[in-house]
Structure formats: structure tokens, C-alpha cells
Amino acid sequence: MNMKVGELLELIDETIANLKIAVIANQQRALESPHTSYEFTQRAIELQEDLDDLMKARKNIAKLNPDDDVEKHFSREELEEFLKLLELLRNADAHVY
């Protein structure tokens, strides 16, 4: 896997944008009905926690040289797990909107 730090940051930024939209969508859906408000409120809180964690990870990764190979800083296993997590977070709430 040949990925640069800058490319990873782009994926993280896409995921952050999707999570922000998902948080807002869940917050708005919480206001639609008293019967479902708890579930949407809970989901918004969970997504916000994921977003906060991802923002911290982005801050640390942004300190690296964007032209470096990611595997210079992370093992292949770490990178694969992180990429899977990003994909899950990007796709997690597609059905909610």
C-alpha cells in the first residue's frame, strides 16, 4: 500500500465532513418525534464522540510531512485498521438521511 500522509489527511477530512453532517442530521431527526428522539439523540452523541476522536487523530497526523509515506510512521496493520475505521465512519449513517 503506497499512500502519502497528505492522501490520508484527505480521507480523514472527507470522513470528518460526513460525520459532521451525520451529527447534524441526527440532532434534527431527534426533534421530529418524541418516540424516536432518544435514539437519534444517542446516535448524535456517539457520532460526536467519534468525530472528536478523529479530530484528535487528524491533529497528530497533520504534524507529519504530507509527502512522507504513511508506512514510514504506521505499520501496515495499523494503517489497514485505520482505513477500515474511516470507511465505516463514512458509510455508517447513509441510511439515516
C-alpha atoms as a PDB file:
ATOM      1  CA  MET A   1       0.000   0.000   0.000  1.00  0.00           C
ATOM      2  CA  ASN A   2       1.609   3.213  -1.131  1.00  0.00           C
ATOM      3  CA  MET A   3      -0.131   6.138   0.494  1.00  0.00           C
ATOM      4  CA  LYS A   4       1.208   9.550   1.385  1.00  0.00           C
ATOM      5  CA  VAL A   5       0.355  11.324   4.639  1.00  0.00           C
ATOM      6  CA  GLY A   6      -1.386  14.047   2.596  1.00  0.00           C
ATOM      7  CA  GLU A   7      -3.668  11.456   0.984  1.00  0.00           C
ATOM      8  CA  LEU A   8      -4.542  10.044   4.387  1.00  0.00           C
ATOM      9  CA  LEU A   9      -5.369  13.547   5.622  1.00  0.00           C
ATOM     10  CA  GLU A  10      -7.740  13.984   2.667  1.00  0.00           C
ATOM     11  CA  LEU A  11      -9.562  10.767   3.609  1.00  0.00           C
ATOM     12  CA  ILE A  12      -9.750  11.926   7.215  1.00  0.00           C
ATOM     13  CA  ASP A  13     -11.136  15.305   6.108  1.00  0.00           C
ATOM     14  CA  GLU A  14     -13.832  13.584   3.997  1.00  0.00           C
ATOM     15  CA  THR A  15     -14.771  11.415   6.955  1.00  0.00           C
ATOM     16  CA  ILE A  16     -14.886  14.415   9.295  1.00  0.00           C
ATOM     17  CA  ALA A  17     -17.210  16.221   6.875  1.00  0.00           C
ATOM     18  CA  ASN A  18     -19.502  13.173   6.669  1.00  0.00           C
ATOM     19  CA  LEU A  19     -19.561  12.811  10.448  1.00  0.00           C
ATOM     20  CA  LYS A  20     -20.448  16.483  10.916  1.00  0.00           C
ATOM     21  CA  ILE A  21     -23.375  16.051   8.535  1.00  0.00           C
ATOM     22  CA  ALA A  22     -24.446  12.866  10.325  1.00  0.00           C
ATOM     23  CA  VAL A  23     -24.343  14.578  13.728  1.00  0.00           C
ATOM     24  CA  ILE A  24     -26.499  17.440  12.477  1.00  0.00           C
ATOM     25  CA  ALA A  25     -28.913  15.081  10.717  1.00  0.00           C
ATOM     26  CA  ASN A  26     -29.355  13.014  13.879  1.00  0.00           C
ATOM     27  CA  GLN A  27     -29.831  16.133  16.008  1.00  0.00           C
ATOM     28  CA  GLN A  28     -32.542  17.350  13.631  1.00  0.00           C
ATOM     29  CA  ARG A  29     -34.234  13.945  13.476  1.00  0.00           C
ATOM     30  CA  ALA A  30     -34.312  13.920  17.292  1.00  0.00           C
ATOM     31  CA  LEU A  31     -36.689  16.892  17.111  1.00  0.00           C
ATOM     32  CA  GLU A  32     -39.101  15.184  14.687  1.00  0.00           C
ATOM     33  CA  SER A  33     -40.839  12.809  17.067  1.00  0.00           C
ATOM     34  CA  PRO A  34     -40.817  12.179  20.802  1.00  0.00           C
ATOM     35  CA  HIS A  35     -40.981   8.443  20.033  1.00  0.00           C
ATOM     36  CA  THR A  36     -37.597   8.390  18.289  1.00  0.00           C
ATOM     37  CA  SER A  37     -35.852  11.352  19.849  1.00  0.00           C
ATOM     38  CA  TYR A  38     -33.845   9.293  22.334  1.00  0.00           C
ATOM     39  CA  GLU A  39     -32.379   7.036  19.640  1.00  0.00           C
ATOM     40  CA  PHE A  40     -31.387   9.943  17.408  1.00  0.00           C
ATOM     41  CA  THR A  41     -30.017  11.939  20.331  1.00  0.00           C
ATOM     42  CA  GLN A  42     -27.972   8.945  21.467  1.00  0.00           C
ATOM     43  CA  ARG A  43     -26.666   8.393  17.936  1.00  0.00           C
ATOM     44  CA  ALA A  44     -25.706  12.070  17.629  1.00  0.00           C
ATOM     45  CA  ILE A  45     -23.749  11.815  20.881  1.00  0.00           C
ATOM     46  CA  GLU A  46     -21.933   8.676  19.703  1.00  0.00           C
ATOM     47  CA  LEU A  47     -21.120  10.271  16.356  1.00  0.00           C
ATOM     48  CA  GLN A  48     -19.852  13.402  18.104  1.00  0.00           C
ATOM     49  CA  GLU A  49     -17.514  11.240  20.199  1.00  0.00           C
ATOM     50  CA  ASP A  50     -16.222   9.554  17.026  1.00  0.00           C
ATOM     51  CA  LEU A  51     -15.795  12.969  15.447  1.00  0.00           C
ATOM     52  CA  ASP A  52     -13.834  14.269  18.440  1.00  0.00           C
ATOM     53  CA  ASP A  53     -11.532  11.230  18.351  1.00  0.00           C
ATOM     54  CA  LEU A  54     -10.990  11.636  14.625  1.00  0.00           C
ATOM     55  CA  MET A  55     -10.198  15.334  15.030  1.00  0.00           C
ATOM     56  CA  LYS A  56      -7.518  14.427  17.594  1.00  0.00           C
ATOM     57  CA  ALA A  57      -6.041  11.817  15.250  1.00  0.00           C
ATOM     58  CA  ARG A  58      -6.060  14.326  12.395  1.00  0.00           C
ATOM     59  CA  LYS A  59      -4.262  16.901  14.536  1.00  0.00           C
ATOM     60  CA  ASN A  60      -1.477  14.414  15.273  1.00  0.00           C
ATOM     61  CA  ILE A  61      -1.198  13.163  11.691  1.00  0.00           C
ATOM     62  CA  ALA A  62      -1.149  16.740  10.367  1.00  0.00           C
ATOM     63  CA  LYS A  63       2.168  17.249  12.195  1.00  0.00           C
ATOM     64  CA  LEU A  64       3.796  14.743   9.826  1.00  0.00           C
ATOM     65  CA  ASN A  65       5.312  15.625   6.455  1.00  0.00           C
ATOM     66  CA  PRO A  66       2.457  15.331   3.912  1.00  0.00           C
ATOM     67  CA  ASP A  67       4.867  13.897   1.328  1.00  0.00           C
ATOM     68  CA  ASP A  68       6.038  11.042   3.579  1.00  0.00           C
ATOM     69  CA  ASP A  69       4.801   7.521   3.004  1.00  0.00           C
ATOM     70  CA  VAL A  70       2.261   6.683   5.703  1.00  0.00           C
ATOM     71  CA  GLU A  71       4.004   3.365   6.374  1.00  0.00           C
ATOM     72  CA  LYS A  72       7.052   5.325   7.496  1.00  0.00           C
ATOM     73  CA  HIS A  73       5.008   6.326  10.558  1.00  0.00           C
ATOM     74  CA  PHE A  74       2.489   3.488  10.975  1.00  0.00           C
ATOM     75  CA  SER A  75       2.646  -0.259  10.491  1.00  0.00           C
ATOM     76  CA  ARG A  76       0.715  -1.806   7.621  1.00  0.00           C
ATOM     77  CA  GLU A  77      -1.681  -3.363  10.146  1.00  0.00           C
ATOM     78  CA  GLU A  78      -2.318  -0.045  11.897  1.00  0.00           C
ATOM     79  CA  LEU A  79      -2.943   1.648   8.582  1.00  0.00           C
ATOM     80  CA  GLU A  80      -5.313  -1.068   7.346  1.00  0.00           C
ATOM     81  CA  GLU A  81      -7.327  -0.932  10.586  1.00  0.00           C
ATOM     82  CA  PHE A  82      -7.488   2.872  10.469  1.00  0.00           C
ATOM     83  CA  LEU A  83      -8.614   2.861   6.828  1.00  0.00           C
ATOM     84  CA  LYS A  84     -11.343   0.320   7.663  1.00  0.00           C
ATOM     85  CA  LEU A  85     -12.483   2.544  10.523  1.00  0.00           C
ATOM     86  CA  LEU A  86     -12.595   5.587   8.238  1.00  0.00           C
ATOM     87  CA  GLU A  87     -14.679   3.664   5.715  1.00  0.00           C
ATOM     88  CA  LEU A  88     -17.107   2.501   8.411  1.00  0.00           C
ATOM     89  CA  LEU A  89     -17.478   6.017   9.754  1.00  0.00           C
ATOM     90  CA  ARG A  90     -18.020   7.455   6.263  1.00  0.00           C
ATOM     91  CA  ASN A  91     -20.720   4.896   5.468  1.00  0.00           C
ATOM     92  CA  ALA A  92     -22.317   4.412   8.869  1.00  0.00           C
ATOM     93  CA  ASP A  93     -25.238   6.772   8.509  1.00  0.00           C
ATOM     94  CA  ALA A  94     -26.021   6.769   4.801  1.00  0.00           C
ATOM     95  CA  HIS A  95     -29.436   5.248   5.570  1.00  0.00           C
ATOM     96  CA  VAL A  96     -30.365   7.886   8.150  1.00  0.00           C
ATOM     97  CA  TYR A  97     -30.731  10.878   5.844  1.00  0.00           C
END
